[in-house]
C-alpha atoms as a PDB file:
ATOM      1  CA  MET A   1       0.206  -0.089  -0.175  1.00  0.00           C
ATOM      2  CA  ALA A   2       1.176   3.490  -0.552  1.00  0.00           C
ATOM      3  CA  THR A   3       2.191   5.665   2.145  1.00  0.00           C
ATOM      4  CA  ASP A   4       1.002   8.986   2.757  1.00  0.00           C
ATOM      5  CA  ASN A   5       3.970  10.176   1.560  1.00  0.00           C
ATOM      6  CA  THR A   6       3.937   8.667  -1.994  1.00  0.00           C
ATOM      7  CA  GLN A   7       0.668   9.751  -2.129  1.00  0.00           C
ATOM      8  CA  ASN A   8       1.070  13.602  -1.491  1.00  0.00           C
ATOM      9  CA  SER A   9       3.886  13.397  -3.617  1.00  0.00           C
ATOM     10  CA  PHE A  10       1.981  11.599  -6.728  1.00  0.00           C
ATOM     11  CA  ARG A  11      -0.940  14.500  -6.183  1.00  0.00           C
ATOM     12  CA  ARG A  12       1.408  17.336  -6.146  1.00  0.00           C
ATOM     13  CA  GLY A  13       2.794  15.949  -9.323  1.00  0.00           C
ATOM     14  CA  VAL A  14      -0.450  15.799 -10.867  1.00  0.00           C
ATOM     15  CA  MET A  15      -1.586  19.115  -9.749  1.00  0.00           C
ATOM     16  CA  SER A  16       1.960  20.822 -11.633  1.00  0.00           C
ATOM     17  CA  LEU A  17       0.906  18.968 -14.102  1.00  0.00           C
ATOM     18  CA  VAL A  18      -2.472  20.666 -14.424  1.00  0.00           C
ATOM     19  CA  ILE A  19      -1.092  23.953 -13.510  1.00  0.00           C
ATOM     20  CA  LEU A  20       1.186  23.749 -16.584  1.00  0.00           C
ATOM     21  CA  GLY A  21      -1.738  22.707 -18.463  1.00  0.00           C
ATOM     22  CA  LEU A  22      -3.661  25.393 -17.217  1.00  0.00           C
ATOM     23  CA  LEU A  23      -1.235  27.873 -18.020  1.00  0.00           C
ATOM     24  CA  ARG A  24      -0.131  27.225 -21.292  1.00  0.00           C
ATOM     25  CA  LYS A  25      -2.710  29.691 -22.964  1.00  0.00           C
ATOM     26  CA  GLU A  26      -3.126  32.153 -20.849  1.00  0.00           C
ATOM     27  CA  ASP A  27      -1.485  33.973 -17.208  1.00  0.00           C
ATOM     28  CA  MET A  28      -3.770  33.310 -14.382  1.00  0.00           C
ATOM     29  CA  TYR A  29      -4.293  34.349 -10.734  1.00  0.00           C
ATOM     30  CA  GLY A  30      -4.349  32.283  -8.015  1.00  0.00           C
ATOM     31  CA  TYR A  31      -8.187  32.119  -7.560  1.00  0.00           C
ATOM     32  CA  GLN A  32      -8.444  32.247 -11.214  1.00  0.00           C
ATOM     33  CA  MET A  33      -6.853  29.220 -11.467  1.00  0.00           C
ATOM     34  CA  ILE A  34      -8.852  27.489  -8.441  1.00  0.00           C
ATOM     35  CA  THR A  35     -12.562  28.316  -9.612  1.00  0.00           C
ATOM     36  CA  GLU A  36     -10.767  27.296 -13.657  1.00  0.00           C
ATOM     37  CA  LEU A  37      -9.361  24.509 -12.792  1.00  0.00           C
ATOM     38  CA  SER A  38     -12.915  23.420 -10.862  1.00  0.00           C
ATOM     39  CA  ARG A  39     -14.960  24.224 -13.526  1.00  0.00           C
ATOM     40  CA  ARG A  40     -12.813  22.462 -16.294  1.00  0.00           C
ATOM     41  CA  SER A  41     -12.274  19.403 -14.130  1.00  0.00           C
ATOM     42  CA  GLN A  42     -16.069  19.425 -13.297  1.00  0.00           C
ATOM     43  CA  ASN A  43     -15.076  19.814  -9.575  1.00  0.00           C
ATOM     44  CA  VAL A  44     -12.791  17.020  -9.382  1.00  0.00           C
ATOM     45  CA  PHE A  45      -9.739  19.486  -9.060  1.00  0.00           C
ATOM     46  CA  SER A  46     -11.437  21.696  -6.206  1.00  0.00           C
ATOM     47  CA  MET A  47      -8.672  23.477  -4.201  1.00  0.00           C
ATOM     48  CA  LYS A  48      -8.369  25.209  -1.668  1.00  0.00           C
ATOM     49  CA  GLU A  49      -5.463  28.503  -1.676  1.00  0.00           C
ATOM     50  CA  GLY A  50      -3.468  27.244   0.896  1.00  0.00           C
ATOM     51  CA  THR A  51      -3.070  24.129  -0.949  1.00  0.00           C
ATOM     52  CA  LEU A  52      -2.591  26.051  -4.272  1.00  0.00           C
ATOM     53  CA  TYR A  53       0.243  28.348  -3.054  1.00  0.00           C
ATOM     54  CA  PRO A  54       2.742  26.333  -1.728  1.00  0.00           C
ATOM     55  CA  ILE A  55       2.675  24.338  -5.203  1.00  0.00           C
ATOM     56  CA  LEU A  56       3.147  27.353  -7.058  1.00  0.00           C
ATOM     57  CA  HIS A  57       5.744  28.913  -5.190  1.00  0.00           C
ATOM     58  CA  ALA A  58       7.556  25.548  -5.241  1.00  0.00           C
ATOM     59  CA  MET A  59       7.106  25.888  -9.135  1.00  0.00           C
ATOM     60  CA  VAL A  60       8.355  29.352  -9.509  1.00  0.00           C
ATOM     61  CA  ALA A  61      11.387  28.158  -7.484  1.00  0.00           C
ATOM     62  CA  GLU A  62      12.083  25.780 -10.073  1.00  0.00           C
ATOM     63  CA  GLY A  63      11.732  27.830 -12.878  1.00  0.00           C
ATOM     64  CA  LEU A  64       8.751  26.479 -14.283  1.00  0.00           C
ATOM     65  CA  LEU A  65       6.293  29.408 -13.846  1.00  0.00           C
ATOM     66  CA  GLU A  66       7.463  33.197 -13.142  1.00  0.00           C
ATOM     67  CA  SER A  67       5.176  35.985 -11.390  1.00  0.00           C
ATOM     68  CA  TYR A  68       4.194  39.306 -11.631  1.00  0.00           C
ATOM     69  CA  ASP A  69       1.775  42.186 -10.398  1.00  0.00           C
ATOM     70  CA  ALA A  70      -0.628  43.450 -12.902  1.00  0.00           C
ATOM     71  CA  LYS A  71      -4.035  45.068 -12.480  1.00  0.00           C
ATOM     72  CA  SER A  72      -7.020  42.519 -13.011  1.00  0.00           C
ATOM     73  CA  GLU A  73     -10.087  43.089 -15.277  1.00  0.00           C
ATOM     74  CA  THR A  74     -11.974  44.385 -11.848  1.00  0.00           C
ATOM     75  CA  GLY A  75      -8.803  46.981 -11.771  1.00  0.00           C
ATOM     76  CA  ARG A  76      -7.746  44.819  -8.318  1.00  0.00           C
ATOM     77  CA  ASP A  77      -3.635  44.239  -8.097  1.00  0.00           C
ATOM     78  CA  ARG A  78      -3.469  40.708  -8.318  1.00  0.00           C
ATOM     79  CA  LYS A  79      -0.241  38.519  -8.523  1.00  0.00           C
ATOM     80  CA  TYR A  80      -0.230  36.528 -11.874  1.00  0.00           C
ATOM     81  CA  TYR A  81       1.716  33.292 -13.124  1.00  0.00           C
ATOM     82  CA  ARG A  82       2.744  32.294 -16.531  1.00  0.00           C
ATOM     83  CA  ILE A  83       4.460  29.363 -17.598  1.00  0.00           C
ATOM     84  CA  THR A  84       8.297  29.682 -18.748  1.00  0.00           C
ATOM     85  CA  ALA A  85      10.531  28.028 -21.425  1.00  0.00           C
ATOM     86  CA  ALA A  86      11.418  25.443 -18.672  1.00  0.00           C
ATOM     87  CA  GLY A  87       7.882  24.832 -17.430  1.00  0.00           C
ATOM     88  CA  SER A  88       6.889  24.107 -21.572  1.00  0.00           C
ATOM     89  CA  LEU A  89       9.204  21.771 -21.840  1.00  0.00           C
ATOM     90  CA  GLN A  90       8.443  20.321 -18.303  1.00  0.00           C
ATOM     91  CA  LEU A  91       4.802  19.991 -19.372  1.00  0.00           C
ATOM     92  CA  LYS A  92       5.110  18.384 -22.980  1.00  0.00           C
ATOM     93  CA  ALA A  93       7.625  15.676 -21.112  1.00  0.00           C
ATOM     94  CA  ARG A  94       5.213  15.207 -18.441  1.00  0.00           C
ATOM     95  CA  ARG A  95       2.148  14.637 -20.470  1.00  0.00           C
ATOM     96  CA  GLU A  96       4.043  12.128 -22.535  1.00  0.00           C
ATOM     97  CA  GLU A  97       5.143  10.561 -19.581  1.00  0.00           C
ATOM     98  CA  TRP A  98       1.250  10.700 -17.847  1.00  0.00           C
ATOM     99  CA  GLN A  99      -0.398   9.587 -21.152  1.00  0.00           C
ATOM    100  CA  VAL A 100       2.250   6.185 -21.084  1.00  0.00           C
ATOM    101  CA  PHE A 101       1.383   5.648 -17.357  1.00  0.00           C
ATOM    102  CA  THR A 102      -2.538   6.337 -17.988  1.00  0.00           C
ATOM    103  CA  GLY A 103      -2.279   3.719 -20.788  1.00  0.00           C
ATOM    104  CA  ALA A 104      -0.440   1.505 -18.857  1.00  0.00           C
ATOM    105  CA  VAL A 105      -3.108   1.741 -16.052  1.00  0.00           C
ATOM    106  CA  ASN A 106      -5.771   1.537 -18.171  1.00  0.00           C
ATOM    107  CA  SER A 107      -4.415  -1.961 -20.000  1.00  0.00           C
ATOM    108  CA  VAL A 108      -3.714  -3.387 -16.336  1.00  0.00           C
ATOM    109  CA  ILE A 109      -7.318  -2.406 -14.868  1.00  0.00           C
ATOM    110  CA  GLY A 110      -9.648  -2.975 -18.399  1.00  0.00           C
ATOM    111  CA  GLU A 111     -10.145  -0.253 -19.861  1.00  0.00           C
ATOM    112  CA  GLY A 112     -12.852  -0.674 -22.256  1.00  0.00           C
ATOM    113  CA  MET A 113     -13.820  -3.859 -21.339  1.00  0.00           C
END
């Protein structure tokens, strides 16, 4: 059975992949990401700010994202995040890994049978 640390590491890795995918076309601020992740995933990815921001900060530290301050469409100052060139390369590699992984899992559990 997987340990809590293994499960947390897996979840964090999946969330990093999902965040990179979300930011590949548009810069977003934190709450915007939370609502968009929830909407696009039909509430499967229901995150709290306390979960999202540590992941974002780690991704900035890794050079996968960068942040900047700007006014939102409502005029409020917000911290926006955008994917970097390194983040785009990481997204491409991790998407390929994810496809192999999910294909293997589906083969084992009998997807489509």
